[in-house]
C-alpha cells in the first residue's frame, strides 16, 4: 500500500496566515538535500494520512517543483500547549 502526500512550497508566508487557511507547516531533512526543505500541507489530508500511517510507515512526499517523490517518516508532531 502506497501512501502519498502532495505539498506546496512554504516561503515568505506567516505561520498564522498559513494555519488560518487550513494548512500546516512541515520540514524535510536529509537525503541528497543540502539542507532543510520547508513545505505546507492541507490539515485534513495530513490528519487522514497520519491516522493511517502513524509514525512508522513510509510516505511518498511529493514536493512541489520536484519530479520524484521523497520517502519520509513522520518524526514528530508539535502542538500549541495553550490551544
Protein backbone atom coordinates (compact mmCIF):
# COMPACT_ATOMS: atom_id res chain seq x y z
CA UNK A 1 0.00 0.00 0.00
CA UNK A 2 1.49 3.32 -1.09
CA UNK A 3 0.59 6.43 0.86
CA UNK A 4 1.35 9.75 -0.79
CA UNK A 5 1.00 13.37 0.23
CA UNK A 6 1.13 16.41 -2.08
CA UNK A 7 2.83 19.54 -0.71
CA UNK A 8 3.24 23.23 -1.55
CA UNK A 9 6.38 25.33 -1.04
CA UNK A 10 6.46 27.46 2.08
CA UNK A 11 8.48 30.62 1.62
CA UNK A 12 7.64 34.07 2.94
CA UNK A 13 4.32 33.03 4.47
CA UNK A 14 3.44 33.93 8.06
CA UNK A 15 2.59 30.85 10.13
CA UNK A 16 -0.66 32.39 11.40
CA UNK A 17 -1.84 33.02 7.81
CA UNK A 18 -0.84 29.51 6.82
CA UNK A 19 -2.74 27.88 9.68
CA UNK A 20 -5.78 30.16 9.21
CA UNK A 21 -6.00 28.91 5.62
CA UNK A 22 -6.26 25.28 6.83
CA UNK A 23 -2.67 24.27 6.08
CA UNK A 24 0.09 23.12 8.41
CA UNK A 25 3.86 23.60 8.07
CA UNK A 26 6.37 20.79 7.63
CA UNK A 27 10.11 20.31 7.09
CA UNK A 28 12.09 17.58 5.29
CA UNK A 29 15.70 16.90 6.29
CA UNK A 30 18.37 14.63 4.91
CA UNK A 31 18.69 12.55 1.81
CA UNK A 32 20.55 14.22 -1.03
CA UNK A 33 19.38 17.69 0.07
CA UNK A 34 21.82 20.41 1.02
CA UNK A 35 19.62 21.50 3.92
CA UNK A 36 16.06 21.58 5.12
CA UNK A 37 13.11 21.92 2.73
CA UNK A 38 10.06 23.75 4.09
CA UNK A 39 6.57 22.92 2.83
CA UNK A 40 2.91 23.05 3.81
CA UNK A 41 0.10 20.52 3.51
CA UNK A 42 -3.68 20.71 3.97
CA UNK A 43 -4.55 19.82 7.58
CA UNK A 44 -7.44 17.49 6.68
CA UNK A 45 -5.33 15.50 4.21
CA UNK A 46 -2.45 15.19 6.69
CA UNK A 47 -4.78 14.09 9.52
CA UNK A 48 -6.19 11.24 7.39
CA UNK A 49 -2.72 10.06 6.40
CA UNK A 50 -1.39 10.32 9.97
CA UNK A 51 -4.31 8.25 11.27
CA UNK A 52 -3.46 5.57 8.70
CA UNK A 53 0.35 5.70 8.67
CA UNK A 54 1.27 6.90 12.14
CA UNK A 55 4.96 7.43 12.83
CA UNK A 56 6.23 4.11 11.49
CA UNK A 57 5.13 3.95 7.83
CA UNK A 58 6.93 5.33 4.79
CA UNK A 59 5.07 8.09 2.97
CA UNK A 60 5.76 9.30 -0.58
CA UNK A 61 6.04 13.06 -0.14
CA UNK A 62 5.52 14.83 -3.46
CA UNK A 63 7.33 18.13 -3.08
CA UNK A 64 6.20 20.96 -5.35
CA UNK A 65 8.75 21.54 -8.10
CA UNK A 66 10.44 18.12 -7.81
CA UNK A 67 9.82 15.26 -10.22
CA UNK A 68 10.42 12.32 -7.87
CA UNK A 69 8.61 11.79 -4.55
CA UNK A 70 10.70 11.60 -1.38
CA UNK A 71 10.26 8.67 1.03
CA UNK A 72 9.69 10.09 4.52
CA UNK A 73 8.61 9.03 8.00
CA UNK A 74 6.75 11.39 10.30
CA UNK A 75 9.22 12.02 13.11
CA UNK A 76 7.49 14.44 15.42
CA UNK A 77 4.28 16.44 15.74
CA UNK A 78 4.28 19.69 17.65
CA UNK A 79 1.18 21.14 19.30
CA UNK A 80 0.47 24.54 20.81
CA UNK A 81 0.33 23.87 24.58
CA UNK A 82 -2.12 26.72 25.16
CA UNK A 83 -4.65 25.81 22.48
